[in-house]
Amino acid sequence: LAAKKNIVLPTDIGGHKSTVDDLSKLSGADFDKKYVAAMVDDHKED
């Protein structure tokens, strides 16, 4: 759709990188809890 309108989309995830960096340091149950919480917040906003 962007190509049709001659709009150049970003190739990076912008401010979401901090979430990726934080979660990449976790594992197991700690990761699950933080990931699920992040997904709830993100999808409410979406």
PDB file of all heavy atoms in Angstrom:
ATOM      1  N   LEU A   1       0.827  -1.201   0.000  1.00  0.00           N
ATOM      2  CA  LEU A   1       0.000   0.000   0.000  1.00  0.00           C
ATOM      3  C   LEU A   1       0.867   1.260   0.000  1.00  0.00           C
ATOM      4  O   LEU A   1       0.581   2.231  -0.715  1.00  0.00           O
ATOM      5  CB  LEU A   1      -0.923   0.005   1.223  1.00  0.00           C
ATOM      6  CG  LEU A   1      -1.948   1.137   1.332  1.00  0.00           C
ATOM      7  CD1 LEU A   1      -2.853   1.167   0.109  1.00  0.00           C
ATOM      8  CD2 LEU A   1      -2.777   0.972   2.598  1.00  0.00           C
ATOM      9  N   ALA A   2       1.939   1.234   0.764  1.00  0.00           N
ATOM     10  CA  ALA A   2       2.855   2.384   0.818  1.00  0.00           C
ATOM     11  C   ALA A   2       3.530   2.599  -0.537  1.00  0.00           C
ATOM     12  O   ALA A   2       3.686   3.740  -0.991  1.00  0.00           O
ATOM     13  CB  ALA A   2       3.904   2.170   1.903  1.00  0.00           C
ATOM     14  N   ALA A   3       3.917   1.512  -1.194  1.00  0.00           N
ATOM     15  CA  ALA A   3       4.555   1.603  -2.512  1.00  0.00           C
ATOM     16  C   ALA A   3       3.599   2.226  -3.529  1.00  0.00           C
ATOM     17  O   ALA A   3       3.991   3.039  -4.367  1.00  0.00           O
ATOM     18  CB  ALA A   3       4.991   0.218  -2.972  1.00  0.00           C
ATOM     19  N   LYS A   4       2.350   1.853  -3.420  1.00  0.00           N
ATOM     20  CA  LYS A   4       1.307   2.406  -4.308  1.00  0.00           C
ATOM     21  C   LYS A   4       1.198   3.919  -4.147  1.00  0.00           C
ATOM     22  O   LYS A   4       0.919   4.641  -5.101  1.00  0.00           O
ATOM     23  CB  LYS A   4      -0.036   1.736  -3.979  1.00  0.00           C
ATOM     24  CG  LYS A   4      -1.236   2.293  -4.730  1.00  0.00           C
ATOM     25  CD  LYS A   4      -2.508   1.613  -4.263  1.00  0.00           C
ATOM     26  CE  LYS A   4      -3.741   2.280  -4.878  1.00  0.00           C
ATOM     27  NZ  LYS A   4      -5.001   1.667  -4.370  1.00  0.00           N
ATOM     28  N   LYS A   5       1.436   4.398  -2.927  1.00  0.00           N
ATOM     29  CA  LYS A   5       1.313   5.819  -2.633  1.00  0.00           C
ATOM     30  C   LYS A   5       2.673   6.535  -2.636  1.00  0.00           C
ATOM     31  O   LYS A   5       2.775   7.694  -2.226  1.00  0.00           O
ATOM     32  CB  LYS A   5       0.638   6.003  -1.272  1.00  0.00           C
ATOM     33  CG  LYS A   5      -0.821   5.563  -1.263  1.00  0.00           C
ATOM     34  CD  LYS A   5      -1.431   5.743   0.126  1.00  0.00           C
ATOM     35  CE  LYS A   5      -2.924   5.512   0.090  1.00  0.00           C
ATOM     36  NZ  LYS A   5      -3.653   6.539  -0.688  1.00  0.00           N
ATOM     37  N   ASN A   6       3.719   5.826  -3.071  1.00  0.00           N
ATOM     38  CA  ASN A   6       5.076   6.394  -3.110  1.00  0.00           C
ATOM     39  C   ASN A   6       5.549   6.869  -1.743  1.00  0.00           C
ATOM     40  O   ASN A   6       6.189   7.913  -1.605  1.00  0.00           O
ATOM     41  CB  ASN A   6       5.144   7.561  -4.111  1.00  0.00           C
ATOM     42  CG  ASN A   6       4.908   7.120  -5.535  1.00  0.00           C
ATOM     43  OD1 ASN A   6       5.426   6.087  -5.952  1.00  0.00           O
ATOM     44  ND2 ASN A   6       4.122   7.879  -6.271  1.00  0.00           N
ATOM     45  N   ILE A   7       5.222   6.095  -0.715  1.00  0.00           N
ATOM     46  CA  ILE A   7       5.648   6.410   0.645  1.00  0.00           C
ATOM     47  C   ILE A   7       6.748   5.429   1.057  1.00  0.00           C
ATOM     48  O   ILE A   7       6.591   4.210   0.894  1.00  0.00           O
ATOM     49  CB  ILE A   7       4.470   6.318   1.630  1.00  0.00           C
ATOM     50  CG1 ILE A   7       3.462   7.433   1.346  1.00  0.00           C
ATOM     51  CG2 ILE A   7       4.946   6.402   3.076  1.00  0.00           C
ATOM     52  CD1 ILE A   7       2.182   7.337   2.134  1.00  0.00           C
ATOM     53  N   VAL A   8       7.851   5.963   1.557  1.00  0.00           N
ATOM     54  CA  VAL A   8       8.977   5.120   1.991  1.00  0.00           C
ATOM     55  C   VAL A   8       8.796   4.799   3.467  1.00  0.00           C
ATOM     56  O   VAL A   8       8.750   5.699   4.312  1.00  0.00           O
ATOM     57  CB  VAL A   8      10.324   5.835   1.761  1.00  0.00           C
ATOM     58  CG1 VAL A   8      11.470   4.964   2.255  1.00  0.00           C
ATOM     59  CG2 VAL A   8      10.503   6.188   0.300  1.00  0.00           C
ATOM     60  N   LEU A   9       8.682   3.518   3.776  1.00  0.00           N
ATOM     61  CA  LEU A   9       8.492   3.087   5.164  1.00  0.00           C
ATOM     62  C   LEU A   9       9.836   2.950   5.878  1.00  0.00           C
ATOM     63  O   LEU A   9      10.855   2.679   5.243  1.00  0.00           O
ATOM     64  CB  LEU A   9       7.769   1.746   5.194  1.00  0.00           C
ATOM     65  CG  LEU A   9       6.347   1.713   4.645  1.00  0.00           C
ATOM     66  CD1 LEU A   9       5.804   0.282   4.675  1.00  0.00           C
ATOM     67  CD2 LEU A   9       5.430   2.623   5.441  1.00  0.00           C
ATOM     68  N   PRO A  10       9.848   3.103   7.200  1.00  0.00           N
ATOM     69  CA  PRO A  10      11.096   2.900   7.955  1.00  0.00           C
ATOM     70  C   PRO A  10      11.498   1.426   7.918  1.00  0.00           C
ATOM     71  O   PRO A  10      10.648   0.548   7.749  1.00  0.00           O
ATOM     72  CB  PRO A  10      10.718   3.334   9.375  1.00  0.00           C
ATOM     73  CG  PRO A  10       9.233   3.161   9.450  1.00  0.00           C
ATOM     74  CD  PRO A  10       8.719   3.484   8.076  1.00  0.00           C
ATOM     75  N   THR A  11      12.784   1.182   8.063  1.00  0.00           N
ATOM     76  CA  THR A  11      13.285  -0.198   8.040  1.00  0.00           C
ATOM     77  C   THR A  11      13.702  -0.670   9.432  1.00  0.00           C
ATOM     78  O   THR A  11      14.163  -1.790   9.599  1.00  0.00           O
ATOM     79  CB  THR A  11      14.497  -0.314   7.088  1.00  0.00           C
ATOM     80  OG1 THR A  11      15.492   0.630   7.493  1.00  0.00           O
ATOM     81  CG2 THR A  11      14.085  -0.021   5.657  1.00  0.00           C
ATOM     82  N   ASP A  12      13.549   0.199  10.424  1.00  0.00           N
ATOM     83  CA  ASP A  12      13.911  -0.157  11.798  1.00  0.00           C
ATOM     84  C   ASP A  12      12.661  -0.123  12.678  1.00  0.00           C
ATOM     85  O   ASP A  12      11.613   0.363  12.254  1.00  0.00           O
ATOM     86  CB  ASP A  12      14.955   0.813  12.351  1.00  0.00           C
ATOM     87  CG  ASP A  12      14.401   2.237  12.401  1.00  0.00           C
ATOM     88  OD1 ASP A  12      13.802   2.606  13.423  1.00  0.00           O
ATOM     89  OD2 ASP A  12      14.555   2.970  11.406  1.00  0.00           O
ATOM     90  N   ILE A  13      12.770  -0.623  13.896  1.00  0.00           N
ATOM     91  CA  ILE A  13      11.604  -0.693  14.783  1.00  0.00           C
ATOM     92  C   ILE A  13      11.515   0.510  15.726  1.00  0.00           C
ATOM     93  O   ILE A  13      10.650   0.545  16.605  1.00  0.00           O
ATOM     94  CB  ILE A  13      11.604  -2.011  15.591  1.00  0.00           C
ATOM     95  CG1 ILE A  13      12.851  -2.105  16.486  1.00  0.00           C
ATOM     96  CG2 ILE A  13      11.509  -3.207  14.664  1.00  0.00           C
ATOM     97  CD1 ILE A  13      12.840  -3.325  17.402  1.00  0.00           C
ATOM     98  N   GLY A  14      12.386   1.475  15.546  1.00  0.00           N
ATOM     99  CA  GLY A  14      12.295   2.723  16.304  1.00  0.00           C
ATOM    100  C   GLY A  14      12.372   2.525  17.815  1.00  0.00           C
ATOM    101  O   GLY A  14      13.221   1.796  18.338  1.00  0.00           O
ATOM    102  N   GLY A  15      11.426   3.140  18.521  1.00  0.00           N
ATOM    103  CA  GLY A  15      11.414   3.094  19.980  1.00  0.00           C
ATOM    104  C   GLY A  15      11.144   1.732  20.576  1.00  0.00           C
ATOM    105  O   GLY A  15      11.351   1.520  21.785  1.00  0.00           O
ATOM    106  N   HIS A  16      10.698   0.785  19.751  1.00  0.00           N
ATOM    107  CA  HIS A  16      10.430  -0.573  20.248  1.00  0.00           C
ATOM    108  C   HIS A  16      11.720  -1.335  20.555  1.00  0.00           C
ATOM    109  O   HIS A  16      11.684  -2.381  21.195  1.00  0.00           O
ATOM    110  CB  HIS A  16       9.620  -1.366  19.215  1.00  0.00           C
ATOM    111  CG  HIS A  16       8.277  -0.771  18.926  1.00  0.00           C
ATOM    112  ND1 HIS A  16       7.192  -0.911  19.764  1.00  0.00           N
ATOM    113  CD2 HIS A  16       7.842  -0.013  17.882  1.00  0.00           C
ATOM    114  CE1 HIS A  16       6.147  -0.286  19.254  1.00  0.00           C
ATOM    115  NE2 HIS A  16       6.516   0.272  18.114  1.00  0.00           N
ATOM    116  N   LYS A  17      12.842  -0.810  20.095  1.00  0.00           N
ATOM    117  CA  LYS A  17      14.123  -1.495  20.302  1.00  0.00           C
ATOM    118  C   LYS A  17      14.436  -1.659  21.789  1.00  0.00           C
ATOM    119  O   LYS A  17      15.023  -2.673  22.186  1.00  0.00           O
ATOM    120  CB  LYS A  17      15.244  -0.715  19.618  1.00  0.00           C
ATOM    121  CG  LYS A  17      16.567  -1.475  19.604  1.00  0.00           C
ATOM    122  CD  LYS A  17      17.641  -0.707  18.865  1.00  0.00           C
ATOM    123  CE  LYS A  17      18.923  -1.518  18.769  1.00  0.00           C
ATOM    124  NZ  LYS A  17      19.463  -1.946  20.064  1.00  0.00           N
ATOM    125  N   SER A  18      14.033  -0.691  22.594  1.00  0.00           N
ATOM    126  CA  SER A  18      14.313  -0.782  24.029  1.00  0.00           C
ATOM    127  C   SER A  18      13.581  -1.975  24.654  1.00  0.00           C
ATOM    128  O   SER A  18      14.117  -2.643  25.548  1.00  0.00           O
ATOM    129  CB  SER A  18      13.906   0.510  24.737  1.00  0.00           C
ATOM    130  OG  SER A  18      12.530   0.766  24.581  1.00  0.00           O
ATOM    131  N   THR A  19      12.370  -2.270  24.166  1.00  0.00           N
ATOM    132  CA  THR A  19      11.615  -3.430  24.664  1.00  0.00           C
ATOM    133  C   THR A  19      12.315  -4.719  24.283  1.00  0.00           C
ATOM    134  O   THR A  19      12.440  -5.650  25.091  1.00  0.00           O
ATOM    135  CB  THR A  19      10.182  -3.434  24.091  1.00  0.00           C
ATOM    136  OG1 THR A  19       9.542  -2.200  24.429  1.00  0.00           O
ATOM    137  CG2 THR A  19       9.370  -4.592  24.652  1.00  0.00           C
ATOM    138  N   VAL A  20      12.776  -4.781  23.038  1.00  0.00           N
ATOM    139  CA  VAL A  20      13.510  -5.960  22.565  1.00  0.00           C
ATOM    140  C   VAL A  20      14.772  -6.163  23.394  1.00  0.00           C
ATOM    141  O   VAL A  20      15.086  -7.279  23.820  1.00  0.00           O
ATOM    142  CB  VAL A  20      13.868  -5.828  21.067  1.00  0.00           C
ATOM    143  CG1 VAL A  20      14.742  -6.995  20.615  1.00  0.00           C
ATOM    144  CG2 VAL A  20      12.598  -5.773  20.220  1.00  0.00           C
ATOM    145  N   ASP A  21      15.497  -5.087  23.623  1.00  0.00           N
ATOM    146  CA  ASP A  21      16.745  -5.173  24.395  1.00  0.00           C
ATOM    147  C   ASP A  21      16.486  -5.650  25.830  1.00  0.00           C
ATOM    148  O   ASP A  21      17.220  -6.494  26.355  1.00  0.00           O
ATOM    149  CB  ASP A  21      17.439  -3.805  24.427  1.00  0.00           C
ATOM    150  CG  ASP A  21      17.995  -3.407  23.073  1.00  0.00           C
ATOM    151  OD1 ASP A  21      18.140  -4.289  22.210  1.00  0.00           O
ATOM    152  OD2 ASP A  21      18.268  -2.201  22.873  1.00  0.00           O
ATOM    153  N   ASP A  22      15.439  -5.112  26.444  1.00  0.00           N
ATOM    154  CA  ASP A  22      15.112  -5.495  27.829  1.00  0.00           C
ATOM    155  C   ASP A  22      14.715  -6.971  27.913  1.00  0.00           C
ATOM    156  O   ASP A  22      15.168  -7.697  28.812  1.00  0.00           O
ATOM    157  CB  ASP A  22      13.971  -4.629  28.360  1.00  0.00           C
ATOM    158  CG  ASP A  22      14.399  -3.189  28.619  1.00  0.00           C
ATOM    159  OD1 ASP A  22      15.623  -2.943  28.695  1.00  0.00           O
ATOM    160  OD2 ASP A  22      13.519  -2.318  28.733  1.00  0.00           O
ATOM    161  N   LEU A  23      13.864  -7.407  26.990  1.00  0.00           N
ATOM    162  CA  LEU A  23      13.389  -8.795  27.028  1.00  0.00           C
ATOM    163  C   LEU A  23      14.479  -9.799  26.655  1.00  0.00           C
ATOM    164  O   LEU A  23      14.455 -10.941  27.121  1.00  0.00           O
ATOM    165  CB  LEU A  23      12.187  -8.962  26.081  1.00  0.00           C
ATOM    166  CG  LEU A  23      10.876  -8.334  26.574  1.00  0.00           C
ATOM    167  CD1 LEU A  23       9.814  -8.398  25.481  1.00  0.00           C
ATOM    168  CD2 LEU A  23      10.370  -9.037  27.820  1.00  0.00           C
ATOM    169  N   SER A  24      15.419  -9.367  25.829  1.00  0.00           N
ATOM    170  CA  SER A  24      16.489 -10.276  25.417  1.00  0.00           C
ATOM    171  C   SER A  24      17.400 -10.673  26.586  1.00  0.00           C
ATOM    172  O   SER A  24      18.127 -11.669  26.511  1.00  0.00           O
ATOM    173  CB  SER A  24      17.321  -9.647  24.298  1.00  0.00           C
ATOM    174  OG  SER A  24      17.994  -8.501  24.770  1.00  0.00           O
ATOM    175  N   LYS A  25      17.343  -9.889  27.667  1.00  0.00           N
ATOM    176  CA  LYS A  25      18.161 -10.187  28.856  1.00  0.00           C
ATOM    177  C   LYS A  25      17.482 -11.184  29.799  1.00  0.00           C
ATOM    178  O   LYS A  25      18.087 -11.647  30.761  1.00  0.00           O
ATOM    179  CB  LYS A  25      18.458  -8.892  29.618  1.00  0.00           C
ATOM    180  CG  LYS A  25      19.223  -7.858  28.796  1.00  0.00           C
ATOM    181  CD  LYS A  25      19.268  -6.515  29.519  1.00  0.00           C
ATOM    182  CE  LYS A  25      19.901  -5.434  28.652  1.00  0.00           C
ATOM    183  NZ  LYS A  25      19.824  -4.093  29.283  1.00  0.00           N
ATOM    184  N   LEU A  26      16.210 -11.488  29.522  1.00  0.00           N
ATOM    185  CA  LEU A  26      15.441 -12.376  30.396  1.00  0.00           C
ATOM    186  C   LEU A  26      15.246 -13.750  29.765  1.00  0.00           C
ATOM    187  O   LEU A  26      15.476 -13.933  28.571  1.00  0.00           O
ATOM    188  CB  LEU A  26      14.075 -11.752  30.692  1.00  0.00           C
ATOM    189  CG  LEU A  26      14.071 -10.341  31.294  1.00  0.00           C
ATOM    190  CD1 LEU A  26      12.639  -9.819  31.390  1.00  0.00           C
ATOM    191  CD2 LEU A  26      14.743 -10.342  32.664  1.00  0.00           C
ATOM    192  N   SER A  27      14.779 -14.687  30.579  1.00  0.00           N
ATOM    193  CA  SER A  27      14.471 -16.023  30.064  1.00  0.00           C
ATOM    194  C   SER A  27      13.468 -16.701  31.002  1.00  0.00           C
ATOM    195  O   SER A  27      13.233 -16.238  32.119  1.00  0.00           O
ATOM    196  CB  SER A  27      15.736 -16.877  29.934  1.00  0.00           C
ATOM    197  OG  SER A  27      16.367 -17.012  31.200  1.00  0.00           O
ATOM    198  N   GLY A  28      12.880 -17.780  30.514  1.00  0.00           N
ATOM    199  CA  GLY A  28      11.957 -18.560  31.338  1.00  0.00           C
ATOM    200  C   GLY A  28      10.739 -17.781  31.784  1.00  0.00           C
ATOM    201  O   GLY A  28      10.169 -16.975  31.043  1.00  0.00           O
ATOM    202  N   ALA A  29      10.333 -18.004  33.049  1.00  0.00           N
ATOM    203  CA  ALA A  29       9.128 -17.382  33.598  1.00  0.00           C
ATOM    204  C   ALA A  29       9.232 -15.860  33.645  1.00  0.00           C
ATOM    205  O   ALA A  29       8.232 -15.158  33.429  1.00  0.00           O
ATOM    206  CB  ALA A  29       8.861 -17.933  35.000  1.00  0.00           C
ATOM    207  N   ASP A  30      10.425 -15.354  33.921  1.00  0.00           N
ATOM    208  CA  ASP A  30      10.618 -13.905  33.950  1.00  0.00           C
ATOM    209  C   ASP A  30      10.355 -13.293  32.574  1.00  0.00           C
ATOM    210  O   ASP A  30       9.708 -12.255  32.452  1.00  0.00           O
ATOM    211  CB  ASP A  30      12.035 -13.554  34.398  1.00  0.00           C
ATOM    212  CG  ASP A  30      12.271 -13.833  35.875  1.00  0.00           C
ATOM    213  OD1 ASP A  30      11.271 -13.869  36.625  1.00  0.00           O
ATOM    214  OD2 ASP A  30      13.436 -14.011  36.273  1.00  0.00           O
ATOM    215  N   PHE A  31      10.860 -13.981  31.573  1.00  0.00           N
ATOM    216  CA  PHE A  31      10.628 -13.499  30.205  1.00  0.00           C
ATOM    217  C   PHE A  31       9.138 -13.538  29.873  1.00  0.00           C
ATOM    218  O   PHE A  31       8.595 -12.568  29.328  1.00  0.00           O
ATOM    219  CB  PHE A  31      11.394 -14.347  29.179  1.00  0.00           C
ATOM    220  CG  PHE A  31      11.047 -13.999  27.753  1.00  0.00           C
ATOM    221  CD1 PHE A  31      11.718 -12.978  27.098  1.00  0.00           C
ATOM    222  CD2 PHE A  31      10.031 -14.669  27.078  1.00  0.00           C
ATOM    223  CE1 PHE A  31      11.380 -12.624  25.797  1.00  0.00           C
ATOM    224  CE2 PHE A  31       9.689 -14.328  25.781  1.00  0.00           C
ATOM    225  CZ  PHE A  31      10.372 -13.298  25.134  1.00  0.00           C
ATOM    226  N   ASP A  32       8.495 -14.673  30.167  1.00  0.00           N
ATOM    227  CA  ASP A  32       7.072 -14.829  29.838  1.00  0.00           C
ATOM    228  C   ASP A  32       6.221 -13.711  30.430  1.00  0.00           C
ATOM    229  O   ASP A  32       5.370 -13.129  29.752  1.00  0.00           O
ATOM    230  CB  ASP A  32       6.560 -16.182  30.333  1.00  0.00           C
ATOM    231  CG  ASP A  32       7.140 -17.353  29.551  1.00  0.00           C
ATOM    232  OD1 ASP A  32       7.561 -17.129  28.396  1.00  0.00           O
ATOM    233  OD2 ASP A  32       7.180 -18.471  30.093  1.00  0.00           O
ATOM    234  N   LYS A  33       6.469 -13.413  31.696  1.00  0.00           N
ATOM    235  CA  LYS A  33       5.670 -12.392  32.375  1.00  0.00           C
ATOM    236  C   LYS A  33       5.839 -11.027  31.723  1.00  0.00           C
ATOM    237  O   LYS A  33       4.854 -10.302  31.477  1.00  0.00           O
ATOM    238  CB  LYS A  33       6.081 -12.330  33.853  1.00  0.00           C
ATOM    239  CG  LYS A  33       5.189 -11.412  34.685  1.00  0.00           C
ATOM    240  CD  LYS A  33       5.572 -11.497  36.160  1.00  0.00           C
ATOM    241  CE  LYS A  33       4.655 -10.594  37.002  1.00  0.00           C
ATOM    242  NZ  LYS A  33       5.001 -10.660  38.446  1.00  0.00           N
ATOM    243  N   LYS A  34       7.091 -10.661  31.424  1.00  0.00           N
ATOM    244  CA  LYS A  34       7.370  -9.352  30.827  1.00  0.00           C
ATOM    245  C   LYS A  34       6.873  -9.285  29.375  1.00  0.00           C
ATOM    246  O   LYS A  34       6.343  -8.263  28.930  1.00  0.00           O
ATOM    247  CB  LYS A  34       8.880  -9.062  30.860  1.00  0.00           C
ATOM    248  CG  LYS A  34       9.444  -8.863  32.257  1.00  0.00           C
ATOM    249  CD  LYS A  34       9.013  -7.522  32.849  1.00  0.00           C
ATOM    250  CE  LYS A  34       9.707  -7.266  34.185  1.00  0.00           C
ATOM    251  NZ  LYS A  34       9.304  -5.983  34.793  1.00  0.00           N
ATOM    252  N   TYR A  35       7.050 -10.376  28.659  1.00  0.00           N
ATOM    253  CA  TYR A  35       6.616 -10.410  27.262  1.00  0.00           C
ATOM    254  C   TYR A  35       5.102 -10.283  27.169  1.00  0.00           C
ATOM    255  O   TYR A  35       4.575  -9.492  26.369  1.00  0.00           O
ATOM    256  CB  TYR A  35       7.082 -11.706  26.592  1.00  0.00           C
ATOM    257  CG  TYR A  35       6.504 -11.911  25.208  1.00  0.00           C
ATOM    258  CD1 TYR A  35       6.966 -11.165  24.118  1.00  0.00           C
ATOM    259  CD2 TYR A  35       5.494 -12.854  24.982  1.00  0.00           C
ATOM    260  CE1 TYR A  35       6.438 -11.347  22.849  1.00  0.00           C
ATOM    261  CE2 TYR A  35       4.963 -13.048  23.717  1.00  0.00           C
ATOM    262  CZ  TYR A  35       5.429 -12.284  22.650  1.00  0.00           C
ATOM    263  OH  TYR A  35       4.897 -12.474  21.397  1.00  0.00           O
ATOM    264  N   VAL A  36       4.394 -11.030  27.982  1.00  0.00           N
ATOM    265  CA  VAL A  36       2.933 -10.994  27.969  1.00  0.00           C
ATOM    266  C   VAL A  36       2.423  -9.601  28.348  1.00  0.00           C
ATOM    267  O   VAL A  36       1.513  -9.061  27.708  1.00  0.00           O
ATOM    268  CB  VAL A  36       2.353 -12.070  28.915  1.00  0.00           C
ATOM    269  CG1 VAL A  36       0.854 -11.864  29.116  1.00  0.00           C
ATOM    270  CG2 VAL A  36       2.624 -13.463  28.354  1.00  0.00           C
ATOM    271  N   ALA A  37       3.024  -9.008  29.367  1.00  0.00           N
ATOM    272  CA  ALA A  37       2.626  -7.658  29.779  1.00  0.00           C
ATOM    273  C   ALA A  37       2.857  -6.645  28.652  1.00  0.00           C
ATOM    274  O   ALA A  37       2.022  -5.772  28.398  1.00  0.00           O
ATOM    275  CB  ALA A  37       3.405  -7.244  31.022  1.00  0.00           C
ATOM    276  N   ALA A  38       3.993  -6.794  27.962  1.00  0.00           N
ATOM    277  CA  ALA A  38       4.308  -5.892  26.846  1.00  0.00           C
ATOM    278  C   ALA A  38       3.310  -6.068  25.709  1.00  0.00           C
ATOM    279  O   ALA A  38       2.869  -5.085  25.090  1.00  0.00           O
ATOM    280  CB  ALA A  38       5.726  -6.159  26.348  1.00  0.00           C
ATOM    281  N   MET A  39       2.920  -7.311  25.443  1.00  0.00           N
ATOM    282  CA  MET A  39       1.970  -7.586  24.369  1.00  0.00           C
ATOM    283  C   MET A  39       0.574  -7.050  24.687  1.00  0.00           C
ATOM    284  O   MET A  39      -0.130  -6.552  23.809  1.00  0.00           O
ATOM    285  CB  MET A  39       1.898  -9.091  24.101  1.00  0.00           C
ATOM    286  CG  MET A  39       3.117  -9.672  23.412  1.00  0.00           C
ATOM    287  SD  MET A  39       3.393  -8.992  21.749  1.00  0.00           S
ATOM    288  CE  MET A  39       4.627  -7.733  22.088  1.00  0.00           C
ATOM    289  N   VAL A  40       0.183  -7.119  25.936  1.00  0.00           N
ATOM    290  CA  VAL A  40      -1.118  -6.560  26.340  1.00  0.00           C
ATOM    291  C   VAL A  40      -1.111  -5.049  26.115  1.00  0.00           C
ATOM    292  O   VAL A  40      -2.036  -4.493  25.505  1.00  0.00           O
ATOM    293  CB  VAL A  40      -1.433  -6.877  27.820  1.00  0.00           C
ATOM    294  CG1 VAL A  40      -2.646  -6.080  28.291  1.00  0.00           C
ATOM    295  CG2 VAL A  40      -1.687  -8.370  28.002  1.00  0.00           C
ATOM    296  N   ASP A  41      -0.068  -4.389  26.592  1.00  0.00           N
ATOM    297  CA  ASP A  41       0.032  -2.932  26.438  1.00  0.00           C
ATOM    298  C   ASP A  41       0.082  -2.526  24.966  1.00  0.00           C
ATOM    299  O   ASP A  41      -0.613  -1.596  24.535  1.00  0.00           O
ATOM    300  CB  ASP A  41       1.276  -2.399  27.158  1.00  0.00           C
ATOM    301  CG  ASP A  41       1.152  -2.486  28.670  1.00  0.00           C
ATOM    302  OD1 ASP A  41       0.015  -2.628  29.165  1.00  0.00           O
ATOM    303  OD2 ASP A  41       2.189  -2.429  29.354  1.00  0.00           O
ATOM    304  N   ASP A  42       0.919  -3.235  24.195  1.00  0.00           N
ATOM    305  CA  ASP A  42       1.074  -2.902  22.774  1.00  0.00           C
ATOM    306  C   ASP A  42      -0.239  -3.054  22.014  1.00  0.00           C
ATOM    307  O   ASP A  42      -0.595  -2.205  21.195  1.00  0.00           O
ATOM    308  CB  ASP A  42       2.133  -3.807  22.121  1.00  0.00           C
ATOM    309  CG  ASP A  42       3.546  -3.396  22.495  1.00  0.00           C
ATOM    310  OD1 ASP A  42       3.704  -2.351  23.154  1.00  0.00           O
ATOM    311  OD2 ASP A  42       4.488  -4.119  22.126  1.00  0.00           O
ATOM    312  N   HIS A  43      -0.956  -4.140  22.297  1.00  0.00           N
ATOM    313  CA  HIS A  43      -2.179  -4.394  21.539  1.00  0.00           C
ATOM    314  C   HIS A  43      -3.341  -3.491  21.972  1.00  0.00           C
ATOM    315  O   HIS A  43      -4.224  -3.197  21.169  1.00  0.00           O
ATOM    316  CB  HIS A  43      -2.541  -5.881  21.596  1.00  0.00           C
ATOM    317  CG  HIS A  43      -1.722  -6.707  20.657  1.00  0.00           C
ATOM    318  ND1 HIS A  43      -0.484  -7.193  20.999  1.00  0.00           N
ATOM    319  CD2 HIS A  43      -1.943  -7.087  19.377  1.00  0.00           C
ATOM    320  CE1 HIS A  43       0.024  -7.855  19.974  1.00  0.00           C
ATOM    321  NE2 HIS A  43      -0.839  -7.800  18.968  1.00  0.00           N
ATOM    322  N   LYS A  44      -3.319  -3.033  23.195  1.00  0.00           N
ATOM    323  CA  LYS A  44      -4.305  -2.018  23.595  1.00  0.00           C
ATOM    324  C   LYS A  44      -4.090  -0.746  22.784  1.00  0.00           C
ATOM    325  O   LYS A  44      -5.044  -0.130  22.272  1.00  0.00           O
ATOM    326  CB  LYS A  44      -4.175  -1.711  25.094  1.00  0.00           C
ATOM    327  CG  LYS A  44      -4.801  -2.756  26.014  1.00  0.00           C
ATOM    328  CD  LYS A  44      -4.614  -2.358  27.478  1.00  0.00           C
ATOM    329  CE  LYS A  44      -5.239  -3.388  28.419  1.00  0.00           C
ATOM    330  NZ  LYS A  44      -5.003  -3.043  29.849  1.00  0.00           N
ATOM    331  N   GLU A  45      -2.834  -0.353  22.672  1.00  0.00           N
ATOM    332  CA  GLU A  45      -2.494   0.842  21.898  1.00  0.00           C
ATOM    333  C   GLU A  45      -2.819   0.633  20.416  1.00  0.00           C
ATOM    334  O   GLU A  45      -3.341   1.536  19.752  1.00  0.00           O
ATOM    335  CB  GLU A  45      -1.009   1.179  22.065  1.00  0.00           C
ATOM    336  CG  GLU A  45      -0.643   1.656  23.465  1.00  0.00           C
ATOM    337  CD  GLU A  45       0.846   1.924  23.616  1.00  0.00           C
ATOM    338  OE1 GLU A  45       1.575   1.847  22.591  1.00  0.00           O
ATOM    339  OE2 GLU A  45       1.284   2.212  24.728  1.00  0.00           O
ATOM    340  N   ASP A  46      -2.503  -0.558  19.904  1.00  0.00           N
ATOM    341  CA  ASP A  46      -2.763  -0.862  18.490  1.00  0.00           C
ATOM    342  C   ASP A  46      -4.253  -0.787  18.161  1.00  0.00           C
ATOM    343  O   ASP A  46      -4.643  -0.228  17.136  1.00  0.00           O
ATOM    344  CB  ASP A  46      -2.236  -2.256  18.131  1.00  0.00           C
ATOM    345  CG  ASP A  46      -0.720  -2.326  18.115  1.00  0.00           C
ATOM    346  OD1 ASP A  46      -0.075  -1.255  18.103  1.00  0.00           O
ATOM    347  OD2 ASP A  46      -0.179  -3.445  18.136  1.00  0.00           O
TER     348      ASP A  46
END
